[in-house]
Amino acid sequence: MNDPFEDMAPSDDELTPYDRAHMKLYMRLLDADRDGADWRDAVQVLFGLDADLEPDRARRVHDSHLARARWMTEHGYRQLVREGTRH
């Protein structure tokens, strides 16, 4: 993972700089979820966290980022579309 990550993804109603920096991560999380990957494997590959060593943190990181990724597909993308039409 190139961009540092927070333990909790944003929960703002607007797209944040953090979201912009982590869009690729969000897409990879959505792909892993769609493919039925075990969350422990996803958090290891995508965040470099060992769910056996830090189970609470690993779960919090995974779940909050997956929730934000889903938010992006339902709401956040609209802001990107609006910005794209202004250019």
PDB file of N, CA and C in Angstrom:
ATOM      1  N   MET A   1       0.848  -1.174   0.000  1.00  0.00           N
ATOM      2  CA  MET A   1       0.000   0.000   0.000  1.00  0.00           C
ATOM      3  C   MET A   1       0.890   1.232   0.000  1.00  0.00           C
ATOM      4  N   ASN A   2       0.691   2.101  -0.972  1.00  0.00           N
ATOM      5  CA  ASN A   2       1.531   3.288  -1.100  1.00  0.00           C
ATOM      6  C   ASN A   2       1.062   4.439  -0.229  1.00  0.00           C
ATOM      7  N   ASP A   3      -0.235   4.677  -0.178  1.00  0.00           N
ATOM      8  CA  ASP A   3      -0.761   5.769   0.618  1.00  0.00           C
ATOM      9  C   ASP A   3      -1.022   5.289   2.036  1.00  0.00           C
ATOM     10  N   PRO A   4      -0.554   6.062   3.027  1.00  0.00           N
ATOM     11  CA  PRO A   4      -0.879   5.677   4.396  1.00  0.00           C
ATOM     12  C   PRO A   4      -2.395   5.681   4.587  1.00  0.00           C
ATOM     13  N   PHE A   5      -2.855   4.857   5.481  1.00  0.00           N
ATOM     14  CA  PHE A   5      -4.298   4.772   5.711  1.00  0.00           C
ATOM     15  C   PHE A   5      -4.602   5.009   7.180  1.00  0.00           C
ATOM     16  N   GLU A   6      -5.808   5.452   7.411  1.00  0.00           N
ATOM     17  CA  GLU A   6      -6.321   5.644   8.767  1.00  0.00           C
ATOM     18  C   GLU A   6      -7.035   4.361   9.200  1.00  0.00           C
ATOM     19  N   ASP A   7      -7.164   4.163  10.489  1.00  0.00           N
ATOM     20  CA  ASP A   7      -7.895   3.001  10.967  1.00  0.00           C
ATOM     21  C   ASP A   7      -9.380   3.092  10.633  1.00  0.00           C
ATOM     22  N   MET A   8      -9.890   4.303  10.554  1.00  0.00           N
ATOM     23  CA  MET A   8     -11.286   4.521  10.195  1.00  0.00           C
ATOM     24  C   MET A   8     -11.340   5.366   8.929  1.00  0.00           C
ATOM     25  N   ALA A   9     -12.042   4.860   7.933  1.00  0.00           N
ATOM     26  CA  ALA A   9     -12.255   5.637   6.711  1.00  0.00           C
ATOM     27  C   ALA A   9     -13.182   6.802   7.032  1.00  0.00           C
ATOM     28  N   PRO A  10     -13.171   7.846   6.205  1.00  0.00           N
ATOM     29  CA  PRO A  10     -14.064   8.987   6.457  1.00  0.00           C
ATOM     30  C   PRO A  10     -15.531   8.560   6.475  1.00  0.00           C
ATOM     31  N   SER A  11     -16.326   9.380   7.128  1.00  0.00           N
ATOM     32  CA  SER A  11     -17.767   9.140   7.127  1.00  0.00           C
ATOM     33  C   SER A  11     -18.517  10.414   6.753  1.00  0.00           C
ATOM     34  N   ASP A  12     -17.783  11.368   6.172  1.00  0.00           N
ATOM     35  CA  ASP A  12     -18.378  12.630   5.733  1.00  0.00           C
ATOM     36  C   ASP A  12     -19.446  12.382   4.674  1.00  0.00           C
ATOM     37  N   ASP A  13     -20.323  13.348   4.499  1.00  0.00           N
ATOM     38  CA  ASP A  13     -21.332  13.276   3.444  1.00  0.00           C
ATOM     39  C   ASP A  13     -20.791  13.763   2.110  1.00  0.00           C
ATOM     40  N   GLU A  14     -19.580  14.273   2.108  1.00  0.00           N
ATOM     41  CA  GLU A  14     -18.923  14.772   0.903  1.00  0.00           C
ATOM     42  C   GLU A  14     -17.645  13.978   0.658  1.00  0.00           C
ATOM     43  N   LEU A  15     -17.233  13.958  -0.581  1.00  0.00           N
ATOM     44  CA  LEU A  15     -15.982  13.338  -0.976  1.00  0.00           C
ATOM     45  C   LEU A  15     -14.826  14.078  -0.299  1.00  0.00           C
ATOM     46  N   THR A  16     -13.875  13.357   0.240  1.00  0.00           N
ATOM     47  CA  THR A  16     -12.755  13.964   0.958  1.00  0.00           C
ATOM     48  C   THR A  16     -11.450  13.747   0.197  1.00  0.00           C
ATOM     49  N   PRO A  17     -10.410  14.493   0.548  1.00  0.00           N
ATOM     50  CA  PRO A  17      -9.092  14.229  -0.042  1.00  0.00           C
ATOM     51  C   PRO A  17      -8.637  12.787   0.233  1.00  0.00           C
ATOM     52  N   TYR A  18      -8.986  12.258   1.402  1.00  0.00           N
ATOM     53  CA  TYR A  18      -8.651  10.871   1.727  1.00  0.00           C
ATOM     54  C   TYR A  18      -9.312   9.922   0.722  1.00  0.00           C
ATOM     55  N   ASP A  19     -10.578  10.169   0.416  1.00  0.00           N
ATOM     56  CA  ASP A  19     -11.276   9.338  -0.557  1.00  0.00           C
ATOM     57  C   ASP A  19     -10.564   9.378  -1.903  1.00  0.00           C
ATOM     58  N   ARG A  20     -10.193  10.554  -2.335  1.00  0.00           N
ATOM     59  CA  ARG A  20      -9.516  10.694  -3.626  1.00  0.00           C
ATOM     60  C   ARG A  20      -8.211   9.920  -3.649  1.00  0.00           C
ATOM     61  N   ALA A  21      -7.477   9.972  -2.559  1.00  0.00           N
ATOM     62  CA  ALA A  21      -6.187   9.282  -2.483  1.00  0.00           C
ATOM     63  C   ALA A  21      -6.340   7.767  -2.404  1.00  0.00           C
ATOM     64  N   HIS A  22      -7.513   7.285  -1.998  1.00  0.00           N
ATOM     65  CA  HIS A  22      -7.696   5.858  -1.759  1.00  0.00           C
ATOM     66  C   HIS A  22      -8.729   5.203  -2.682  1.00  0.00           C
ATOM     67  N   MET A  23      -9.050   5.837  -3.783  1.00  0.00           N
ATOM     68  CA  MET A  23     -10.052   5.253  -4.687  1.00  0.00           C
ATOM     69  C   MET A  23      -9.653   3.888  -5.222  1.00  0.00           C
ATOM     70  N   LYS A  24      -8.407   3.736  -5.556  1.00  0.00           N
ATOM     71  CA  LYS A  24      -7.947   2.433  -6.054  1.00  0.00           C
ATOM     72  C   LYS A  24      -8.138   1.362  -4.972  1.00  0.00           C
ATOM     73  N   LEU A  25      -7.829   1.705  -3.744  1.00  0.00           N
ATOM     74  CA  LEU A  25      -8.029   0.786  -2.626  1.00  0.00           C
ATOM     75  C   LEU A  25      -9.504   0.430  -2.488  1.00  0.00           C
ATOM     76  N   TYR A  26     -10.375   1.426  -2.583  1.00  0.00           N
ATOM     77  CA  TYR A  26     -11.812   1.175  -2.487  1.00  0.00           C
ATOM     78  C   TYR A  26     -12.259   0.192  -3.568  1.00  0.00           C
ATOM     79  N   MET A  27     -11.767   0.394  -4.775  1.00  0.00           N
ATOM     80  CA  MET A  27     -12.150  -0.514  -5.869  1.00  0.00           C
ATOM     81  C   MET A  27     -11.658  -1.931  -5.613  1.00  0.00           C
ATOM     82  N   ARG A  28     -10.459  -2.038  -5.105  1.00  0.00           N
ATOM     83  CA  ARG A  28      -9.918  -3.372  -4.809  1.00  0.00           C
ATOM     84  C   ARG A  28     -10.704  -4.057  -3.689  1.00  0.00           C
ATOM     85  N   LEU A  29     -11.131  -3.281  -2.692  1.00  0.00           N
ATOM     86  CA  LEU A  29     -11.959  -3.843  -1.625  1.00  0.00           C
ATOM     87  C   LEU A  29     -13.294  -4.335  -2.167  1.00  0.00           C
ATOM     88  N   LEU A  30     -13.913  -3.536  -3.023  1.00  0.00           N
ATOM     89  CA  LEU A  30     -15.183  -3.945  -3.618  1.00  0.00           C
ATOM     90  C   LEU A  30     -15.009  -5.210  -4.460  1.00  0.00           C
ATOM     91  N   ASP A  31     -13.918  -5.295  -5.205  1.00  0.00           N
ATOM     92  CA  ASP A  31     -13.640  -6.497  -6.003  1.00  0.00           C
ATOM     93  C   ASP A  31     -13.471  -7.719  -5.099  1.00  0.00           C
ATOM     94  N   ALA A  32     -12.699  -7.560  -4.037  1.00  0.00           N
ATOM     95  CA  ALA A  32     -12.478  -8.669  -3.113  1.00  0.00           C
ATOM     96  C   ALA A  32     -13.790  -9.127  -2.490  1.00  0.00           C
ATOM     97  N   ASP A  33     -14.610  -8.167  -2.094  1.00  0.00           N
ATOM     98  CA  ASP A  33     -15.901  -8.495  -1.505  1.00  0.00           C
ATOM     99  C   ASP A  33     -16.791  -9.216  -2.512  1.00  0.00           C
ATOM    100  N   ARG A  34     -16.848  -8.694  -3.726  1.00  0.00           N
ATOM    101  CA  ARG A  34     -17.658  -9.306  -4.783  1.00  0.00           C
ATOM    102  C   ARG A  34     -17.197 -10.739  -5.076  1.00  0.00           C
ATOM    103  N   ASP A  35     -15.885 -10.944  -5.018  1.00  0.00           N
ATOM    104  CA  ASP A  35     -15.323 -12.266  -5.321  1.00  0.00           C
ATOM    105  C   ASP A  35     -15.407 -13.233  -4.142  1.00  0.00           C
ATOM    106  N   GLY A  36     -15.930 -12.752  -3.014  1.00  0.00           N
ATOM    107  CA  GLY A  36     -16.092 -13.617  -1.848  1.00  0.00           C
ATOM    108  C   GLY A  36     -14.815 -13.859  -1.062  1.00  0.00           C
ATOM    109  N   ALA A  37     -13.835 -12.970  -1.214  1.00  0.00           N
ATOM    110  CA  ALA A  37     -12.580 -13.137  -0.472  1.00  0.00           C
ATOM    111  C   ALA A  37     -12.834 -13.003   1.027  1.00  0.00           C
ATOM    112  N   ASP A  38     -12.128 -13.779   1.792  1.00  0.00           N
ATOM    113  CA  ASP A  38     -12.196 -13.668   3.242  1.00  0.00           C
ATOM    114  C   ASP A  38     -11.654 -12.294   3.635  1.00  0.00           C
ATOM    115  N   TRP A  39     -12.322 -11.615   4.545  1.00  0.00           N
ATOM    116  CA  TRP A  39     -11.899 -10.269   4.936  1.00  0.00           C
ATOM    117  C   TRP A  39     -10.487 -10.267   5.481  1.00  0.00           C
ATOM    118  N   ARG A  40     -10.066 -11.348   6.137  1.00  0.00           N
ATOM    119  CA  ARG A  40      -8.714 -11.431   6.709  1.00  0.00           C
ATOM    120  C   ARG A  40      -7.660 -11.412   5.609  1.00  0.00           C
ATOM    121  N   ASP A  41      -7.958 -12.112   4.517  1.00  0.00           N
ATOM    122  CA  ASP A  41      -7.029 -12.105   3.384  1.00  0.00           C
ATOM    123  C   ASP A  41      -6.982 -10.730   2.736  1.00  0.00           C
ATOM    124  N   ALA A  42      -8.147 -10.116   2.581  1.00  0.00           N
ATOM    125  CA  ALA A  42      -8.213  -8.791   1.955  1.00  0.00           C
ATOM    126  C   ALA A  42      -7.441  -7.758   2.770  1.00  0.00           C
ATOM    127  N   VAL A  43      -7.608  -7.774   4.082  1.00  0.00           N
ATOM    128  CA  VAL A  43      -6.928  -6.786   4.920  1.00  0.00           C
ATOM    129  C   VAL A  43      -5.416  -7.030   4.925  1.00  0.00           C
ATOM    130  N   GLN A  44      -4.998  -8.269   4.790  1.00  0.00           N
ATOM    131  CA  GLN A  44      -3.568  -8.584   4.712  1.00  0.00           C
ATOM    132  C   GLN A  44      -2.978  -8.054   3.407  1.00  0.00           C
ATOM    133  N   VAL A  45      -3.635  -8.360   2.307  1.00  0.00           N
ATOM    134  CA  VAL A  45      -3.129  -7.962   0.995  1.00  0.00           C
ATOM    135  C   VAL A  45      -3.214  -6.447   0.792  1.00  0.00           C
ATOM    136  N   LEU A  46      -4.346  -5.858   1.124  1.00  0.00           N
ATOM    137  CA  LEU A  46      -4.577  -4.456   0.805  1.00  0.00           C
ATOM    138  C   LEU A  46      -4.010  -3.467   1.822  1.00  0.00           C
ATOM    139  N   PHE A  47      -3.944  -3.877   3.093  1.00  0.00           N
ATOM    140  CA  PHE A  47      -3.472  -2.965   4.130  1.00  0.00           C
ATOM    141  C   PHE A  47      -2.189  -3.431   4.810  1.00  0.00           C
ATOM    142  N   GLY A  48      -1.804  -4.674   4.563  1.00  0.00           N
ATOM    143  CA  GLY A  48      -0.612  -5.200   5.213  1.00  0.00           C
ATOM    144  C   GLY A  48      -0.810  -5.483   6.687  1.00  0.00           C
ATOM    145  N   LEU A  49      -2.062  -5.722   7.092  1.00  0.00           N
ATOM    146  CA  LEU A  49      -2.365  -6.003   8.496  1.00  0.00           C
ATOM    147  C   LEU A  49      -2.600  -7.495   8.700  1.00  0.00           C
ATOM    148  N   ASP A  50      -2.109  -8.003   9.809  1.00  0.00           N
ATOM    149  CA  ASP A  50      -2.314  -9.404  10.161  1.00  0.00           C
ATOM    150  C   ASP A  50      -3.501  -9.485  11.122  1.00  0.00           C
ATOM    151  N   ALA A  51      -4.589 -10.059  10.649  1.00  0.00           N
ATOM    152  CA  ALA A  51      -5.812 -10.150  11.454  1.00  0.00           C
ATOM    153  C   ALA A  51      -5.624 -11.047  12.670  1.00  0.00           C
ATOM    154  N   ASP A  52      -4.658 -11.941  12.642  1.00  0.00           N
ATOM    155  CA  ASP A  52      -4.402 -12.783  13.806  1.00  0.00           C
ATOM    156  C   ASP A  52      -3.702 -11.998  14.917  1.00  0.00           C
ATOM    157  N   LEU A  53      -2.847 -11.059  14.525  1.00  0.00           N
ATOM    158  CA  LEU A  53      -2.106 -10.272  15.512  1.00  0.00           C
ATOM    159  C   LEU A  53      -2.889  -9.068  16.025  1.00  0.00           C
ATOM    160  N   GLU A  54      -3.683  -8.473  15.150  1.00  0.00           N
ATOM    161  CA  GLU A  54      -4.470  -7.284  15.511  1.00  0.00           C
ATOM    162  C   GLU A  54      -5.907  -7.456  15.026  1.00  0.00           C
ATOM    163  N   PRO A  55      -6.650  -8.398  15.601  1.00  0.00           N
ATOM    164  CA  PRO A  55      -7.974  -8.705  15.059  1.00  0.00           C
ATOM    165  C   PRO A  55      -8.958  -7.534  15.102  1.00  0.00           C
ATOM    166  N   ASP A  56      -8.995  -6.788  16.181  1.00  0.00           N
ATOM    167  CA  ASP A  56      -9.943  -5.675  16.287  1.00  0.00           C
ATOM    168  C   ASP A  56      -9.595  -4.564  15.311  1.00  0.00           C
ATOM    169  N   ARG A  57      -8.327  -4.203  15.271  1.00  0.00           N
ATOM    170  CA  ARG A  57      -7.899  -3.147  14.358  1.00  0.00           C
ATOM    171  C   ARG A  57      -8.105  -3.574  12.908  1.00  0.00           C
ATOM    172  N   ALA A  58      -7.711  -4.776  12.577  1.00  0.00           N
ATOM    173  CA  ALA A  58      -7.843  -5.258  11.201  1.00  0.00           C
ATOM    174  C   ALA A  58      -9.305  -5.237  10.764  1.00  0.00           C
ATOM    175  N   ARG A  59     -10.180  -5.675  11.633  1.00  0.00           N
ATOM    176  CA  ARG A  59     -11.608  -5.691  11.290  1.00  0.00           C
ATOM    177  C   ARG A  59     -12.153  -4.277  11.125  1.00  0.00           C
ATOM    178  N   ARG A  60     -11.752  -3.381  12.017  1.00  0.00           N
ATOM    179  CA  ARG A  60     -12.192  -1.986  11.959  1.00  0.00           C
ATOM    180  C   ARG A  60     -11.713  -1.325  10.661  1.00  0.00           C
ATOM    181  N   VAL A  61     -10.457  -1.529  10.318  1.00  0.00           N
ATOM    182  CA  VAL A  61      -9.899  -0.959   9.089  1.00  0.00           C
ATOM    183  C   VAL A  61     -10.653  -1.497   7.879  1.00  0.00           C
ATOM    184  N   HIS A  62     -10.792  -2.809   7.819  1.00  0.00           N
ATOM    185  CA  HIS A  62     -11.467  -3.426   6.673  1.00  0.00           C
ATOM    186  C   HIS A  62     -12.906  -2.950   6.556  1.00  0.00           C
ATOM    187  N   ASP A  63     -13.648  -3.069   7.630  1.00  0.00           N
ATOM    188  CA  ASP A  63     -15.081  -2.765   7.571  1.00  0.00           C
ATOM    189  C   ASP A  63     -15.359  -1.294   7.274  1.00  0.00           C
ATOM    190  N   SER A  64     -14.594  -0.397   7.884  1.00  0.00           N
ATOM    191  CA  SER A  64     -14.851   1.023   7.648  1.00  0.00           C
ATOM    192  C   SER A  64     -14.490   1.417   6.218  1.00  0.00           C
ATOM    193  N   HIS A  65     -13.429   0.844   5.677  1.00  0.00           N
ATOM    194  CA  HIS A  65     -13.047   1.169   4.304  1.00  0.00           C
ATOM    195  C   HIS A  65     -13.993   0.523   3.288  1.00  0.00           C
ATOM    196  N   LEU A  66     -14.459  -0.666   3.575  1.00  0.00           N
ATOM    197  CA  LEU A  66     -15.435  -1.291   2.682  1.00  0.00           C
ATOM    198  C   LEU A  66     -16.748  -0.511   2.700  1.00  0.00           C
ATOM    199  N   ALA A  67     -17.158  -0.061   3.864  1.00  0.00           N
ATOM    200  CA  ALA A  67     -18.374   0.753   3.945  1.00  0.00           C
ATOM    201  C   ALA A  67     -18.206   2.045   3.157  1.00  0.00           C
ATOM    202  N   ARG A  68     -17.042   2.648   3.238  1.00  0.00           N
ATOM    203  CA  ARG A  68     -16.804   3.882   2.487  1.00  0.00           C
ATOM    204  C   ARG A  68     -16.762   3.592   0.989  1.00  0.00           C
ATOM    205  N   ALA A  69     -16.194   2.478   0.616  1.00  0.00           N
ATOM    206  CA  ALA A  69     -16.176   2.099  -0.795  1.00  0.00           C
ATOM    207  C   ALA A  69     -17.601   1.936  -1.316  1.00  0.00           C
ATOM    208  N   ARG A  70     -18.447   1.326  -0.535  1.00  0.00           N
ATOM    209  CA  ARG A  70     -19.855   1.183  -0.929  1.00  0.00           C
ATOM    210  C   ARG A  70     -20.541   2.549  -1.006  1.00  0.00           C
ATOM    211  N   TRP A  71     -20.225   3.425  -0.065  1.00  0.00           N
ATOM    212  CA  TRP A  71     -20.782   4.779  -0.086  1.00  0.00           C
ATOM    213  C   TRP A  71     -20.383   5.482  -1.385  1.00  0.00           C
ATOM    214  N   MET A  72     -19.150   5.269  -1.797  1.00  0.00           N
ATOM    215  CA  MET A  72     -18.675   5.887  -3.045  1.00  0.00           C
ATOM    216  C   MET A  72     -19.526   5.432  -4.227  1.00  0.00           C
ATOM    217  N   THR A  73     -19.918   4.173  -4.247  1.00  0.00           N
ATOM    218  CA  THR A  73     -20.695   3.663  -5.383  1.00  0.00           C
ATOM    219  C   THR A  73     -22.132   4.155  -5.359  1.00  0.00           C
ATOM    220  N   GLU A  74     -22.611   4.547  -4.195  1.00  0.00           N
ATOM    221  CA  GLU A  74     -23.997   4.986  -4.067  1.00  0.00           C
ATOM    222  C   GLU A  74     -24.146   6.505  -4.042  1.00  0.00           C
ATOM    223  N   HIS A  75     -23.142   7.208  -3.519  1.00  0.00           N
ATOM    224  CA  HIS A  75     -23.267   8.647  -3.323  1.00  0.00           C
ATOM    225  C   HIS A  75     -22.049   9.440  -3.806  1.00  0.00           C
ATOM    226  N   GLY A  76     -20.872   9.024  -3.397  1.00  0.00           N
ATOM    227  CA  GLY A  76     -19.662   9.794  -3.664  1.00  0.00           C
ATOM    228  C   GLY A  76     -19.367  10.012  -5.135  1.00  0.00           C
ATOM    229  N   TYR A  77     -19.717   9.032  -5.960  1.00  0.00           N
ATOM    230  CA  TYR A  77     -19.432   9.162  -7.389  1.00  0.00           C
ATOM    231  C   TYR A  77     -20.146  10.372  -8.000  1.00  0.00           C
ATOM    232  N   ARG A  78     -21.275  10.747  -7.417  1.00  0.00           N
ATOM    233  CA  ARG A  78     -22.029  11.888  -7.968  1.00  0.00           C
ATOM    234  C   ARG A  78     -21.209  13.166  -7.940  1.00  0.00           C
ATOM    235  N   GLN A  79     -20.451  13.341  -6.872  1.00  0.00           N
ATOM    236  CA  GLN A  79     -19.602  14.526  -6.792  1.00  0.00           C
ATOM    237  C   GLN A  79     -18.538  14.484  -7.882  1.00  0.00           C
ATOM    238  N   LEU A  80     -17.989  13.324  -8.153  1.00  0.00           N
ATOM    239  CA  LEU A  80     -16.995  13.192  -9.223  1.00  0.00           C
ATOM    240  C   LEU A  80     -17.609  13.525 -10.577  1.00  0.00           C
ATOM    241  N   VAL A  81     -18.821  13.059 -10.794  1.00  0.00           N
ATOM    242  CA  VAL A  81     -19.514  13.336 -12.057  1.00  0.00           C
ATOM    243  C   VAL A  81     -19.751  14.833 -12.205  1.00  0.00           C
ATOM    244  N   ARG A  82     -20.231  15.460 -11.142  1.00  0.00           N
ATOM    245  CA  ARG A  82     -20.467  16.919 -11.184  1.00  0.00           C
ATOM    246  C   ARG A  82     -19.179  17.674 -11.492  1.00  0.00           C
ATOM    247  N   GLU A  83     -18.078  17.258 -10.880  1.00  0.00           N
ATOM    248  CA  GLU A  83     -16.806  17.910 -11.122  1.00  0.00           C
ATOM    249  C   GLU A  83     -16.360  17.711 -12.570  1.00  0.00           C
ATOM    250  N   GLY A  84     -16.609  16.539 -13.093  1.00  0.00           N
ATOM    251  CA  GLY A  84     -16.220  16.238 -14.473  1.00  0.00           C
ATOM    252  C   GLY A  84     -16.969  17.066 -15.492  1.00  0.00           C
ATOM    253  N   THR A  85     -18.208  17.416 -15.196  1.00  0.00           N
ATOM    254  CA  THR A  85     -18.985  18.202 -16.140  1.00  0.00           C
ATOM    255  C   THR A  85     -18.611  19.679 -16.104  1.00  0.00           C
ATOM    256  N   ARG A  86     -17.903  20.097 -15.082  1.00  0.00           N
ATOM    257  CA  ARG A  86     -17.475  21.493 -14.973  1.00  0.00           C
ATOM    258  C   ARG A  86     -16.203  21.767 -15.766  1.00  0.00           C
ATOM    259  N   HIS A  87     -15.490  20.744 -16.141  1.00  0.00           N
ATOM    260  CA  HIS A  87     -14.202  20.933 -16.845  1.00  0.00           C
ATOM    261  C   HIS A  87     -14.367  20.950 -18.326  1.00  0.00           C
TER     262      HIS A  87
END
